[in-house]
Amino acid sequence: MSHVATQSAYSRLIDRLNRFPQGAPASELLYRILQLLFSDREASLVAQLPIRPFSSTTAARIWKSPEPEARNVLNVLADRGILLDTEVDGEMMFTLPPPMAGFFEFSMMRIRHDVDQKLLAELFFQYLNVEEDFIKSLFTQGETQMGRVFVHEPSLSPGLSVLDYERASEVIHSASHRAVGICYCRHKMEHLQRACGGPMDICMTFNSTADSLIRHGIGRPVDVVESIDLLQTAYDSNLVQFGENVREEVNFICNCCGCCCEAMLAAKRFALLAPVHTTNFIPGIDTRVCNGCGKCVDVCAVEALGLVSASDPHKKRKRKAQVNEDLCLGCGVCARNCPEDAITLRARPERVITPLNSAHKAVVMAIERGKLQNLIFDNQALWNHRAMAAVLGVILKLPPVKQALASRQMKSRYLEHLMSQIRN
């Protein structure tokens, strides 16, 4: 930890990453990852960038450099997937995404020769799959998580009420931009000779994120038809659709296996801490029809299904499937694979709360993780008006139980209205 402890450009960059709700705990492995992705100068410059979107003029002012020089640095970083850029009212605005879902994935969504991707994969594996601090902080802090599962649409039965935002196909149809890249998780595992046989060219991004990744050659543009074909490939491969935990303007959907993908591994590793938001559905098993073949068990990405005794006095070795509802994501992959049609999806007793949009999600996550002040006072600039800052400052001083109460209140329609007003 000696490198991280010093006030180097990389330790300042780590501090900057941890101002966002989805941070990255400091460790020697993280330091080495950042050394591969950033030069010392780049780390120093990025450490100074604000959380909210900024222009090259803003960056130039912060860096005390000429605007053309700042713009060139920003474009270089965007070319490598460190920054995302999007045009707003004729001006290019830049954002530093979190490590995940963000520039960690973008670094391996294409084949590159400017960085040692094998070494990077090894470091990612150690940091994400061996050390627990990053995955625990990413998936288990607070009630609101970064990602949610989409229902496996071929499993839907007639009459089941499904909202548009619960369907990956609707995300595809409604997106302004669509892109596909190499699956970061399986690409990483491929370098470690641990990858499964799941499809590689299937990591899907949408809207402003896709626009930026396409512009910089990180993602390949795809139309609606090809996107739906890719989704069908994911269904045929029994992959789970794990996407951004918002209802509007979803920016990514990963197609996840249970052996390579971080979200599914976290769902198994920390199941009781609810690291991934489930769908609003749960599988029901008709034990009169189930023959105990075990196909549902084999395809479950999070090991939520098992075989137990059917308690048949005439067939003592007979088995039946049983679902652990505390572990189940409600994806529905099992239902589609049941040869006896013994599994059907039904609505959960209580609907899962999904944030309205990315701004709503960021605020709620910040409240739950004690980082709200970072969003309000961004690089010493007022995020909104001072009255709101004063109110939210009081919330941060409340005891934990009261903070949890305030968090639930902030998930109300008031916050949705507020985020809508800010966006418009």
Foldseek 3Di string as FASTA:
>chain_A
DVVLPDPALQVLLQVQLVLFLQHADDDPLSSVLVVQLDPSVRSNLNSQDWADWDALVVSCVSVVHDSVVSVVSQVVCLLQFQWFWDDDPNGIIIHGDHCVVGNVQLNQQADDDSGDLLVSLVSCCCRQPVDPPNLCSQQQFFDFHFKAWAALVVQADPPADDDLLSHPLSQQVPFPWKWWTFGSQQSSVVSVVRHDPQDGGQKMFTHRRRVSCCVSVSTPTDHSVVNVVSSVSLLVVLFIWMWGQASPRTTTTDGHALRGDSQNVSLQVVLLSRRHAAAQKDKDFQLVQFFQPCQLCVSDSNNQKDWDASPDPVCRPTIGIDGNVSSDRNRSSSCVRRPRNRMHMHGHPDGDQGHHDPVLSRCLSCLSSLSNVCCQQISNDGNDDVVVVVVVVVLSPDPPVSSVVVSVVCSDVVVVVVVVVVVD
